[in-house]
Amino acid sequence: MDKHIFCQFLVLMMLMSSSQIQGELRKGCYDSGITVLMGCPDSIDKKLPAPPTPSEGCCTLVRTIGMKCVCEIVNKKIEDTIDMQKLVNVAAACARPLAPGSQCGSYRVPGA
């Protein structure tokens, strides 16, 4: 199985197995956040070296959907799989930086 497809499969399975979704999340936001995570696996996976820049497809998702929904759905299981600093770097590289000191899951964005 292609490494990219395998990574997407792992992220999808991990997200589907996660039953701890905050009650106040809108379903659309949850779906959108998952779409971004699934579209950027090479750039955010803990076990893979980050590419110099995120793919154009990844950045298109980040720019279209935004990071608000992504940060709202990040939970402990997701944080166990993705590198949160890489996620912050992807947001910045795709022209949607997270504000220093803001919260993304349980991760506080450095800088404030």
PDB file of N, CA and C in Angstrom:
ATOM      1  N   MET A   1       0.849  -1.172   0.000  1.00  0.00           N
ATOM      2  CA  MET A   1       0.000   0.000   0.000  1.00  0.00           C
ATOM      3  C   MET A   1       0.896   1.237   0.000  1.00  0.00           C
ATOM      4  N   ASP A   2       0.579   2.206  -0.825  1.00  0.00           N
ATOM      5  CA  ASP A   2       1.314   3.450  -0.923  1.00  0.00           C
ATOM      6  C   ASP A   2       1.384   4.121   0.453  1.00  0.00           C
ATOM      7  N   LYS A   3       2.550   4.679   0.794  1.00  0.00           N
ATOM      8  CA  LYS A   3       2.754   5.274   2.116  1.00  0.00           C
ATOM      9  C   LYS A   3       1.735   6.388   2.389  1.00  0.00           C
ATOM     10  N   HIS A   4       1.464   7.210   1.390  1.00  0.00           N
ATOM     11  CA  HIS A   4       0.517   8.313   1.555  1.00  0.00           C
ATOM     12  C   HIS A   4      -0.877   7.779   1.861  1.00  0.00           C
ATOM     13  N   ILE A   5      -1.317   6.790   1.127  1.00  0.00           N
ATOM     14  CA  ILE A   5      -2.639   6.200   1.351  1.00  0.00           C
ATOM     15  C   ILE A   5      -2.688   5.529   2.715  1.00  0.00           C
ATOM     16  N   PHE A   6      -1.610   4.846   3.077  1.00  0.00           N
ATOM     17  CA  PHE A   6      -1.550   4.189   4.373  1.00  0.00           C
ATOM     18  C   PHE A   6      -1.661   5.200   5.503  1.00  0.00           C
ATOM     19  N   CYS A   7      -0.949   6.339   5.389  1.00  0.00           N
ATOM     20  CA  CYS A   7      -1.026   7.380   6.426  1.00  0.00           C
ATOM     21  C   CYS A   7      -2.443   7.940   6.528  1.00  0.00           C
ATOM     22  N   GLN A   8      -3.069   8.176   5.378  1.00  0.00           N
ATOM     23  CA  GLN A   8      -4.445   8.668   5.401  1.00  0.00           C
ATOM     24  C   GLN A   8      -5.363   7.647   6.063  1.00  0.00           C
ATOM     25  N   PHE A   9      -5.153   6.375   5.757  1.00  0.00           N
ATOM     26  CA  PHE A   9      -5.962   5.318   6.344  1.00  0.00           C
ATOM     27  C   PHE A   9      -5.796   5.306   7.869  1.00  0.00           C
ATOM     28  N   LEU A  10      -4.548   5.423   8.343  1.00  0.00           N
ATOM     29  CA  LEU A  10      -4.305   5.422   9.786  1.00  0.00           C
ATOM     30  C   LEU A  10      -4.977   6.604  10.470  1.00  0.00           C
ATOM     31  N   VAL A  11      -4.853   7.786   9.878  1.00  0.00           N
ATOM     32  CA  VAL A  11      -5.489   8.962  10.470  1.00  0.00           C
ATOM     33  C   VAL A  11      -6.999   8.779  10.495  1.00  0.00           C
ATOM     34  N   LEU A  12      -7.561   8.305   9.402  1.00  0.00           N
ATOM     35  CA  LEU A  12      -9.005   8.092   9.334  1.00  0.00           C
ATOM     36  C   LEU A  12      -9.465   7.093  10.389  1.00  0.00           C
ATOM     37  N   MET A  13      -8.765   5.978  10.525  1.00  0.00           N
ATOM     38  CA  MET A  13      -9.152   4.960  11.506  1.00  0.00           C
ATOM     39  C   MET A  13      -9.042   5.508  12.924  1.00  0.00           C
ATOM     40  N   MET A  14      -7.987   6.278  13.174  1.00  0.00           N
ATOM     41  CA  MET A  14      -7.819   6.853  14.501  1.00  0.00           C
ATOM     42  C   MET A  14      -8.948   7.834  14.807  1.00  0.00           C
ATOM     43  N   LEU A  15      -9.289   8.647  13.836  1.00  0.00           N
ATOM     44  CA  LEU A  15     -10.363   9.612  14.056  1.00  0.00           C
ATOM     45  C   LEU A  15     -11.708   8.934  14.219  1.00  0.00           C
ATOM     46  N   MET A  16     -11.952   7.886  13.445  1.00  0.00           N
ATOM     47  CA  MET A  16     -13.224   7.184  13.550  1.00  0.00           C
ATOM     48  C   MET A  16     -13.359   6.470  14.881  1.00  0.00           C
ATOM     49  N   SER A  17     -12.236   6.028  15.438  1.00  0.00           N
ATOM     50  CA  SER A  17     -12.299   5.318  16.712  1.00  0.00           C
ATOM     51  C   SER A  17     -12.437   6.268  17.893  1.00  0.00           C
ATOM     52  N   SER A  18     -12.219   7.548  17.645  1.00  0.00           N
ATOM     53  CA  SER A  18     -12.305   8.538  18.714  1.00  0.00           C
ATOM     54  C   SER A  18     -13.763   8.849  19.011  1.00  0.00           C
ATOM     55  N   SER A  19     -14.183   8.533  20.208  1.00  0.00           N
ATOM     56  CA  SER A  19     -15.572   8.782  20.567  1.00  0.00           C
ATOM     57  C   SER A  19     -15.727  10.025  21.426  1.00  0.00           C
ATOM     58  N   GLN A  20     -14.632  10.687  21.741  1.00  0.00           N
ATOM     59  CA  GLN A  20     -14.680  11.829  22.639  1.00  0.00           C
ATOM     60  C   GLN A  20     -14.715  13.123  21.829  1.00  0.00           C
ATOM     61  N   ILE A  21     -15.885  13.449  21.306  1.00  0.00           N
ATOM     62  CA  ILE A  21     -16.079  14.666  20.536  1.00  0.00           C
ATOM     63  C   ILE A  21     -16.871  15.613  21.416  1.00  0.00           C
ATOM     64  N   GLN A  22     -16.379  16.834  21.556  1.00  0.00           N
ATOM     65  CA  GLN A  22     -17.067  17.778  22.422  1.00  0.00           C
ATOM     66  C   GLN A  22     -18.473  18.029  21.909  1.00  0.00           C
ATOM     67  N   GLY A  23     -19.428  18.073  22.824  1.00  0.00           N
ATOM     68  CA  GLY A  23     -20.825  18.227  22.462  1.00  0.00           C
ATOM     69  C   GLY A  23     -21.150  19.504  21.724  1.00  0.00           C
ATOM     70  N   GLU A  24     -20.385  20.563  21.963  1.00  0.00           N
ATOM     71  CA  GLU A  24     -20.722  21.822  21.319  1.00  0.00           C
ATOM     72  C   GLU A  24     -20.208  21.948  19.891  1.00  0.00           C
ATOM     73  N   LEU A  25     -19.441  20.982  19.418  1.00  0.00           N
ATOM     74  CA  LEU A  25     -18.929  21.053  18.052  1.00  0.00           C
ATOM     75  C   LEU A  25     -20.048  20.875  17.036  1.00  0.00           C
ATOM     76  N   ARG A  26     -20.018  21.728  16.056  1.00  0.00           N
ATOM     77  CA  ARG A  26     -20.958  21.565  14.951  1.00  0.00           C
ATOM     78  C   ARG A  26     -20.483  20.393  14.106  1.00  0.00           C
ATOM     79  N   LYS A  27     -21.412  19.588  13.596  1.00  0.00           N
ATOM     80  CA  LYS A  27     -21.033  18.442  12.767  1.00  0.00           C
ATOM     81  C   LYS A  27     -20.215  18.884  11.570  1.00  0.00           C
ATOM     82  N   GLY A  28     -20.601  19.969  10.925  1.00  0.00           N
ATOM     83  CA  GLY A  28     -19.862  20.469   9.768  1.00  0.00           C
ATOM     84  C   GLY A  28     -18.428  20.816  10.116  1.00  0.00           C
ATOM     85  N   CYS A  29     -18.213  21.375  11.283  1.00  0.00           N
ATOM     86  CA  CYS A  29     -16.862  21.729  11.705  1.00  0.00           C
ATOM     87  C   CYS A  29     -16.050  20.457  11.954  1.00  0.00           C
ATOM     88  N   TYR A  30     -16.652  19.469  12.543  1.00  0.00           N
ATOM     89  CA  TYR A  30     -15.955  18.208  12.784  1.00  0.00           C
ATOM     90  C   TYR A  30     -15.523  17.587  11.459  1.00  0.00           C
ATOM     91  N   ASP A  31     -16.443  17.519  10.516  1.00  0.00           N
ATOM     92  CA  ASP A  31     -16.134  16.948   9.203  1.00  0.00           C
ATOM     93  C   ASP A  31     -15.049  17.750   8.496  1.00  0.00           C
ATOM     94  N   SER A  32     -15.125  19.073   8.589  1.00  0.00           N
ATOM     95  CA  SER A  32     -14.136  19.933   7.943  1.00  0.00           C
ATOM     96  C   SER A  32     -12.753  19.752   8.563  1.00  0.00           C
ATOM     97  N   GLY A  33     -12.698  19.678   9.869  1.00  0.00           N
ATOM     98  CA  GLY A  33     -11.422  19.488  10.552  1.00  0.00           C
ATOM     99  C   GLY A  33     -10.769  18.176  10.165  1.00  0.00           C
ATOM    100  N   ILE A  34     -11.559  17.126  10.077  1.00  0.00           N
ATOM    101  CA  ILE A  34     -11.029  15.826   9.662  1.00  0.00           C
ATOM    102  C   ILE A  34     -10.513  15.904   8.231  1.00  0.00           C
ATOM    103  N   THR A  35     -11.234  16.620   7.374  1.00  0.00           N
ATOM    104  CA  THR A  35     -10.820  16.753   5.977  1.00  0.00           C
ATOM    105  C   THR A  35      -9.431  17.383   5.883  1.00  0.00           C
ATOM    106  N   VAL A  36      -9.179  18.409   6.679  1.00  0.00           N
ATOM    107  CA  VAL A  36      -7.855  19.039   6.662  1.00  0.00           C
ATOM    108  C   VAL A  36      -6.793  18.056   7.139  1.00  0.00           C
ATOM    109  N   LEU A  37      -7.042  17.379   8.260  1.00  0.00           N
ATOM    110  CA  LEU A  37      -6.055  16.435   8.781  1.00  0.00           C
ATOM    111  C   LEU A  37      -5.768  15.316   7.784  1.00  0.00           C
ATOM    112  N   MET A  38      -6.803  14.831   7.138  1.00  0.00           N
ATOM    113  CA  MET A  38      -6.615  13.752   6.157  1.00  0.00           C
ATOM    114  C   MET A  38      -5.908  14.248   4.898  1.00  0.00           C
ATOM    115  N   GLY A  39      -6.026  15.534   4.602  1.00  0.00           N
ATOM    116  CA  GLY A  39      -5.402  16.084   3.410  1.00  0.00           C
ATOM    117  C   GLY A  39      -3.952  16.489   3.595  1.00  0.00           C
ATOM    118  N   CYS A  40      -3.447  16.412   4.822  1.00  0.00           N
ATOM    119  CA  CYS A  40      -2.082  16.866   5.116  1.00  0.00           C
ATOM    120  C   CYS A  40      -1.232  15.832   5.859  1.00  0.00           C
ATOM    121  N   PRO A  41      -1.430  14.537   5.643  1.00  0.00           N
ATOM    122  CA  PRO A  41      -0.739  13.561   6.495  1.00  0.00           C
ATOM    123  C   PRO A  41       0.782  13.603   6.395  1.00  0.00           C
ATOM    124  N   ASP A  42       1.326  13.856   5.215  1.00  0.00           N
ATOM    125  CA  ASP A  42       2.781  13.875   5.070  1.00  0.00           C
ATOM    126  C   ASP A  42       3.417  15.027   5.832  1.00  0.00           C
ATOM    127  N   SER A  43       2.650  16.074   6.066  1.00  0.00           N
ATOM    128  CA  SER A  43       3.184  17.268   6.717  1.00  0.00           C
ATOM    129  C   SER A  43       3.020  17.277   8.230  1.00  0.00           C
ATOM    130  N   ILE A  44       2.143  16.426   8.774  1.00  0.00           N
ATOM    131  CA  ILE A  44       1.852  16.510  10.213  1.00  0.00           C
ATOM    132  C   ILE A  44       2.075  15.210  10.981  1.00  0.00           C
ATOM    133  N   ASP A  45       2.327  14.113  10.294  1.00  0.00           N
ATOM    134  CA  ASP A  45       2.518  12.821  10.968  1.00  0.00           C
ATOM    135  C   ASP A  45       3.770  12.859  11.840  1.00  0.00           C
ATOM    136  N   LYS A  46       3.658  12.384  13.071  1.00  0.00           N
ATOM    137  CA  LYS A  46       4.792  12.360  13.999  1.00  0.00           C
ATOM    138  C   LYS A  46       5.941  11.498  13.487  1.00  0.00           C
ATOM    139  N   LYS A  47       5.620  10.436  12.776  1.00  0.00           N
ATOM    140  CA  LYS A  47       6.634   9.468  12.394  1.00  0.00           C
ATOM    141  C   LYS A  47       7.302   9.775  11.061  1.00  0.00           C
ATOM    142  N   LEU A  48       6.824  10.770  10.347  1.00  0.00           N
ATOM    143  CA  LEU A  48       7.398  11.112   9.046  1.00  0.00           C
ATOM    144  C   LEU A  48       8.151  12.431   9.143  1.00  0.00           C
ATOM    145  N   PRO A  49       9.259  12.539   8.398  1.00  0.00           N
ATOM    146  CA  PRO A  49       9.911  13.853   8.351  1.00  0.00           C
ATOM    147  C   PRO A  49       9.017  14.816   7.577  1.00  0.00           C
ATOM    148  N   ALA A  50       8.913  16.025   8.064  1.00  0.00           N
ATOM    149  CA  ALA A  50       8.056  17.008   7.401  1.00  0.00           C
ATOM    150  C   ALA A  50       8.688  17.424   6.079  1.00  0.00           C
ATOM    151  N   PRO A  51       7.893  17.531   5.026  1.00  0.00           N
ATOM    152  CA  PRO A  51       8.432  18.033   3.767  1.00  0.00           C
ATOM    153  C   PRO A  51       8.775  19.517   3.939  1.00  0.00           C
ATOM    154  N   PRO A  52       9.623  20.052   3.053  1.00  0.00           N
ATOM    155  CA  PRO A  52       9.991  21.465   3.181  1.00  0.00           C
ATOM    156  C   PRO A  52       8.775  22.402   3.159  1.00  0.00           C
ATOM    157  N   THR A  53       7.794  22.062   2.368  1.00  0.00           N
ATOM    158  CA  THR A  53       6.551  22.830   2.326  1.00  0.00           C
ATOM    159  C   THR A  53       5.391  21.859   2.204  1.00  0.00           C
ATOM    160  N   PRO A  54       4.236  22.227   2.735  1.00  0.00           N
ATOM    161  CA  PRO A  54       3.056  21.363   2.579  1.00  0.00           C
ATOM    162  C   PRO A  54       2.650  21.299   1.105  1.00  0.00           C
ATOM    163  N   SER A  55       1.955  20.244   0.752  1.00  0.00           N
ATOM    164  CA  SER A  55       1.484  20.109  -0.624  1.00  0.00           C
ATOM    165  C   SER A  55       0.469  21.194  -0.938  1.00  0.00           C
ATOM    166  N   GLU A  56       0.293  21.481  -2.218  1.00  0.00           N
ATOM    167  CA  GLU A  56      -0.699  22.491  -2.607  1.00  0.00           C
ATOM    168  C   GLU A  56      -2.095  22.040  -2.200  1.00  0.00           C
ATOM    169  N   GLY A  57      -2.372  20.728  -2.298  1.00  0.00           N
ATOM    170  CA  GLY A  57      -3.677  20.213  -1.886  1.00  0.00           C
ATOM    171  C   GLY A  57      -3.935  20.445  -0.404  1.00  0.00           C
ATOM    172  N   CYS A  58      -2.913  20.230   0.399  1.00  0.00           N
ATOM    173  CA  CYS A  58      -3.016  20.472   1.842  1.00  0.00           C
ATOM    174  C   CYS A  58      -3.307  21.943   2.089  1.00  0.00           C
ATOM    175  N   CYS A  59      -2.536  22.821   1.462  1.00  0.00           N
ATOM    176  CA  CYS A  59      -2.731  24.260   1.670  1.00  0.00           C
ATOM    177  C   CYS A  59      -4.095  24.730   1.167  1.00  0.00           C
ATOM    178  N   THR A  60      -4.568  24.152   0.094  1.00  0.00           N
ATOM    179  CA  THR A  60      -5.897  24.525  -0.396  1.00  0.00           C
ATOM    180  C   THR A  60      -6.945  24.217   0.662  1.00  0.00           C
ATOM    181  N   LEU A  61      -6.831  23.050   1.300  1.00  0.00           N
ATOM    182  CA  LEU A  61      -7.774  22.695   2.366  1.00  0.00           C
ATOM    183  C   LEU A  61      -7.650  23.644   3.553  1.00  0.00           C
ATOM    184  N   VAL A  62      -6.430  23.936   3.954  1.00  0.00           N
ATOM    185  CA  VAL A  62      -6.205  24.828   5.096  1.00  0.00           C
ATOM    186  C   VAL A  62      -6.773  26.212   4.802  1.00  0.00           C
ATOM    187  N   ARG A  63      -6.526  26.721   3.594  1.00  0.00           N
ATOM    188  CA  ARG A  63      -7.013  28.067   3.243  1.00  0.00           C
ATOM    189  C   ARG A  63      -8.532  28.092   3.092  1.00  0.00           C
ATOM    190  N   THR A  64      -9.105  27.013   2.573  1.00  0.00           N
ATOM    191  CA  THR A  64     -10.543  26.967   2.343  1.00  0.00           C
ATOM    192  C   THR A  64     -11.315  26.746   3.637  1.00  0.00           C
ATOM    193  N   ILE A  65     -10.875  25.801   4.422  1.00  0.00           N
ATOM    194  CA  ILE A  65     -11.595  25.417   5.640  1.00  0.00           C
ATOM    195  C   ILE A  65     -11.148  26.244   6.836  1.00  0.00           C
ATOM    196  N   GLY A  66      -9.879  26.564   6.901  1.00  0.00           N
ATOM    197  CA  GLY A  66      -9.354  27.312   8.036  1.00  0.00           C
ATOM    198  C   GLY A  66      -8.916  26.383   9.153  1.00  0.00           C
ATOM    199  N   MET A  67      -8.261  26.935  10.132  1.00  0.00           N
ATOM    200  CA  MET A  67      -7.717  26.137  11.219  1.00  0.00           C
ATOM    201  C   MET A  67      -8.623  26.074  12.436  1.00  0.00           C
ATOM    202  N   LYS A  68      -9.643  26.911  12.494  1.00  0.00           N
ATOM    203  CA  LYS A  68     -10.536  26.920  13.658  1.00  0.00           C
ATOM    204  C   LYS A  68     -11.157  25.543  13.879  1.00  0.00           C
ATOM    205  N   CYS A  69     -11.713  24.960  12.808  1.00  0.00           N
ATOM    206  CA  CYS A  69     -12.348  23.645  12.944  1.00  0.00           C
ATOM    207  C   CYS A  69     -11.326  22.565  13.279  1.00  0.00           C
ATOM    208  N   VAL A  70     -10.140  22.674  12.704  1.00  0.00           N
ATOM    209  CA  VAL A  70      -9.096  21.688  13.001  1.00  0.00           C
ATOM    210  C   VAL A  70      -8.779  21.722  14.487  1.00  0.00           C
ATOM    211  N   CYS A  71      -8.530  22.909  15.010  1.00  0.00           N
ATOM    212  CA  CYS A  71      -8.162  23.024  16.423  1.00  0.00           C
ATOM    213  C   CYS A  71      -9.289  22.598  17.348  1.00  0.00           C
ATOM    214  N   GLU A  72     -10.527  22.792  16.942  1.00  0.00           N
ATOM    215  CA  GLU A  72     -11.656  22.382  17.776  1.00  0.00           C
ATOM    216  C   GLU A  72     -11.777  20.866  17.892  1.00  0.00           C
ATOM    217  N   ILE A  73     -11.367  20.140  16.865  1.00  0.00           N
ATOM    218  CA  ILE A  73     -11.540  18.680  16.925  1.00  0.00           C
ATOM    219  C   ILE A  73     -10.325  17.944  17.467  1.00  0.00           C
ATOM    220  N   VAL A  74      -9.184  18.631  17.590  1.00  0.00           N
ATOM    221  CA  VAL A  74      -7.973  17.953  18.062  1.00  0.00           C
ATOM    222  C   VAL A  74      -8.186  17.509  19.500  1.00  0.00           C
ATOM    223  N   ASN A  75      -8.041  16.206  19.699  1.00  0.00           N
ATOM    224  CA  ASN A  75      -8.148  15.632  21.035  1.00  0.00           C
ATOM    225  C   ASN A  75      -6.887  14.824  21.325  1.00  0.00           C
ATOM    226  N   LYS A  76      -6.832  14.159  22.445  1.00  0.00           N
ATOM    227  CA  LYS A  76      -5.634  13.425  22.860  1.00  0.00           C
ATOM    228  C   LYS A  76      -5.247  12.354  21.839  1.00  0.00           C
ATOM    229  N   LYS A  77      -6.224  11.628  21.308  1.00  0.00           N
ATOM    230  CA  LYS A  77      -5.895  10.580  20.330  1.00  0.00           C
ATOM    231  C   LYS A  77      -5.274  11.172  19.080  1.00  0.00           C
ATOM    232  N   ILE A  78      -5.789  12.302  18.639  1.00  0.00           N
ATOM    233  CA  ILE A  78      -5.216  12.952  17.466  1.00  0.00           C
ATOM    234  C   ILE A  78      -3.815  13.462  17.792  1.00  0.00           C
ATOM    235  N   GLU A  79      -3.644  14.065  18.968  1.00  0.00           N
ATOM    236  CA  GLU A  79      -2.333  14.570  19.365  1.00  0.00           C
ATOM    237  C   GLU A  79      -1.305  13.449  19.509  1.00  0.00           C
ATOM    238  N   ASP A  80      -1.741  12.242  19.784  1.00  0.00           N
ATOM    239  CA  ASP A  80      -0.829  11.102  19.851  1.00  0.00           C
ATOM    240  C   ASP A  80      -0.317  10.717  18.467  1.00  0.00           C
ATOM    241  N   THR A  81      -1.023  11.116  17.426  1.00  0.00           N
ATOM    242  CA  THR A  81      -0.698  10.717  16.057  1.00  0.00           C
ATOM    243  C   THR A  81      -0.007  11.816  15.266  1.00  0.00           C
ATOM    244  N   ILE A  82      -0.406  13.056  15.497  1.00  0.00           N
ATOM    245  CA  ILE A  82       0.178  14.143  14.714  1.00  0.00           C
ATOM    246  C   ILE A  82       1.130  14.974  15.562  1.00  0.00           C
ATOM    247  N   ASP A  83       2.053  15.637  14.904  1.00  0.00           N
ATOM    248  CA  ASP A  83       2.992  16.540  15.561  1.00  0.00           C
ATOM    249  C   ASP A  83       2.352  17.926  15.565  1.00  0.00           C
ATOM    250  N   MET A  84       2.011  18.416  16.731  1.00  0.00           N
ATOM    251  CA  MET A  84       1.285  19.679  16.825  1.00  0.00           C
ATOM    252  C   MET A  84       2.119  20.863  16.316  1.00  0.00           C
ATOM    253  N   GLN A  85       3.425  20.849  16.555  1.00  0.00           N
ATOM    254  CA  GLN A  85       4.256  21.939  16.023  1.00  0.00           C
ATOM    255  C   GLN A  85       4.268  21.897  14.498  1.00  0.00           C
ATOM    256  N   LYS A  86       4.265  20.703  13.916  1.00  0.00           N
ATOM    257  CA  LYS A  86       4.176  20.593  12.454  1.00  0.00           C
ATOM    258  C   LYS A  86       2.847  21.161  11.966  1.00  0.00           C
ATOM    259  N   LEU A  87       1.774  20.913  12.706  1.00  0.00           N
ATOM    260  CA  LEU A  87       0.470  21.457  12.329  1.00  0.00           C
ATOM    261  C   LEU A  87       0.505  22.983  12.356  1.00  0.00           C
ATOM    262  N   VAL A  88       1.126  23.553  13.372  1.00  0.00           N
ATOM    263  CA  VAL A  88       1.279  25.010  13.460  1.00  0.00           C
ATOM    264  C   VAL A  88       2.090  25.514  12.267  1.00  0.00           C
ATOM    265  N   ASN A  89       3.156  24.800  11.920  1.00  0.00           N
ATOM    266  CA  ASN A  89       3.997  25.189  10.794  1.00  0.00           C
ATOM    267  C   ASN A  89       3.224  25.119   9.475  1.00  0.00           C
ATOM    268  N   VAL A  90       2.392  24.092   9.314  1.00  0.00           N
ATOM    269  CA  VAL A  90       1.570  23.964   8.109  1.00  0.00           C
ATOM    270  C   VAL A  90       0.626  25.149   7.995  1.00  0.00           C
ATOM    271  N   ALA A  91      -0.027  25.499   9.089  1.00  0.00           N
ATOM    272  CA  ALA A  91      -0.953  26.631   9.067  1.00  0.00           C
ATOM    273  C   ALA A  91      -0.230  27.903   8.609  1.00  0.00           C
ATOM    274  N   ALA A  92       0.959  28.142   9.139  1.00  0.00           N
ATOM    275  CA  ALA A  92       1.731  29.335   8.769  1.00  0.00           C
ATOM    276  C   ALA A  92       2.169  29.267   7.308  1.00  0.00           C
ATOM    277  N   ALA A  93       2.659  28.108   6.877  1.00  0.00           N
ATOM    278  CA  ALA A  93       3.123  27.956   5.488  1.00  0.00           C
ATOM    279  C   ALA A  93       1.984  28.123   4.489  1.00  0.00           C
ATOM    280  N   CYS A  94       0.773  27.842   4.921  1.00  0.00           N
ATOM    281  CA  CYS A  94      -0.392  27.942   4.043  1.00  0.00           C
ATOM    282  C   CYS A  94      -1.125  29.276   4.215  1.00  0.00           C
ATOM    283  N   ALA A  95      -0.474  30.235   4.842  1.00  0.00           N
ATOM    284  CA  ALA A  95      -1.007  31.591   5.015  1.00  0.00           C
ATOM    285  C   ALA A  95      -2.237  31.653   5.920  1.00  0.00           C
ATOM    286  N   ARG A  96      -2.343  30.728   6.853  1.00  0.00           N
ATOM    287  CA  ARG A  96      -3.403  30.747   7.858  1.00  0.00           C
ATOM    288  C   ARG A  96      -2.784  30.492   9.226  1.00  0.00           C
ATOM    289  N   PRO A  97      -1.837  31.359   9.635  1.00  0.00           N
ATOM    290  CA  PRO A  97      -1.118  31.093  10.890  1.00  0.00           C
ATOM    291  C   PRO A  97      -2.033  31.134  12.108  1.00  0.00           C
ATOM    292  N   LEU A  98      -1.686  30.325  13.077  1.00  0.00           N
ATOM    293  CA  LEU A  98      -2.385  30.331  14.363  1.00  0.00           C
ATOM    294  C   LEU A  98      -1.752  31.414  15.227  1.00  0.00           C
ATOM    295  N   ALA A  99      -2.565  32.142  15.939  1.00  0.00           N
ATOM    296  CA  ALA A  99      -2.070  33.242  16.771  1.00  0.00           C
ATOM    297  C   ALA A  99      -1.205  32.710  17.904  1.00  0.00           C
ATOM    298  N   PRO A 100      -0.068  33.358  18.165  1.00  0.00           N
ATOM    299  CA  PRO A 100       0.752  32.957  19.311  1.00  0.00           C
ATOM    300  C   PRO A 100      -0.079  32.994  20.589  1.00  0.00           C
ATOM    301  N   GLY A 101       0.053  31.957  21.388  1.00  0.00           N
ATOM    302  CA  GLY A 101      -0.686  31.855  22.636  1.00  0.00           C
ATOM    303  C   GLY A 101      -2.061  31.235  22.489  1.00  0.00           C
ATOM    304  N   SER A 102      -2.516  31.022  21.255  1.00  0.00           N
ATOM    305  CA  SER A 102      -3.836  30.412  21.059  1.00  0.00           C
ATOM    306  C   SER A 102      -3.765  28.918  21.338  1.00  0.00           C
ATOM    307  N   GLN A 103      -4.912  28.330  21.521  1.00  0.00           N
ATOM    308  CA  GLN A 103      -5.027  26.916  21.872  1.00  0.00           C
ATOM    309  C   GLN A 103      -5.455  26.121  20.638  1.00  0.00           C
ATOM    310  N   CYS A 104      -4.799  24.987  20.423  1.00  0.00           N
ATOM    311  CA  CYS A 104      -5.187  24.064  19.362  1.00  0.00           C
ATOM    312  C   CYS A 104      -5.202  22.692  20.025  1.00  0.00           C
ATOM    313  N   GLY A 105      -6.378  22.166  20.301  1.00  0.00           N
ATOM    314  CA  GLY A 105      -6.465  20.988  21.152  1.00  0.00           C
ATOM    315  C   GLY A 105      -5.950  21.376  22.523  1.00  0.00           C
ATOM    316  N   SER A 106      -5.050  20.570  23.086  1.00  0.00           N
ATOM    317  CA  SER A 106      -4.464  20.928  24.376  1.00  0.00           C
ATOM    318  C   SER A 106      -3.125  21.659  24.184  1.00  0.00           C
ATOM    319  N   TYR A 107      -2.739  21.861  22.921  1.00  0.00           N
ATOM    320  CA  TYR A 107      -1.466  22.487  22.579  1.00  0.00           C
ATOM    321  C   TYR A 107      -1.604  24.008  22.553  1.00  0.00           C
ATOM    322  N   ARG A 108      -0.728  24.691  23.250  1.00  0.00           N
ATOM    323  CA  ARG A 108      -0.699  26.149  23.205  1.00  0.00           C
ATOM    324  C   ARG A 108       0.364  26.568  22.191  1.00  0.00           C
ATOM    325  N   VAL A 109      -0.062  27.362  21.220  1.00  0.00           N
ATOM    326  CA  VAL A 109       0.843  27.821  20.170  1.00  0.00           C
ATOM    327  C   VAL A 109       1.908  28.709  20.799  1.00  0.00           C
ATOM    328  N   PRO A 110       3.199  28.387  20.556  1.00  0.00           N
ATOM    329  CA  PRO A 110       4.271  29.160  21.160  1.00  0.00           C
ATOM    330  C   PRO A 110       4.285  30.620  20.699  1.00  0.00           C
ATOM    331  N   GLY A 111       4.880  31.461  21.525  1.00  0.00           N
ATOM    332  CA  GLY A 111       5.108  32.822  21.116  1.00  0.00           C
ATOM    333  C   GLY A 111       4.455  33.893  21.946  1.00  0.00           C
ATOM    334  N   ALA A 112       3.632  33.530  22.890  1.00  0.00           N
ATOM    335  CA  ALA A 112       3.017  34.580  23.713  1.00  0.00           C
ATOM    336  C   ALA A 112       3.052  34.196  25.166  1.00  0.00           C
TER     337      ALA A 112
END
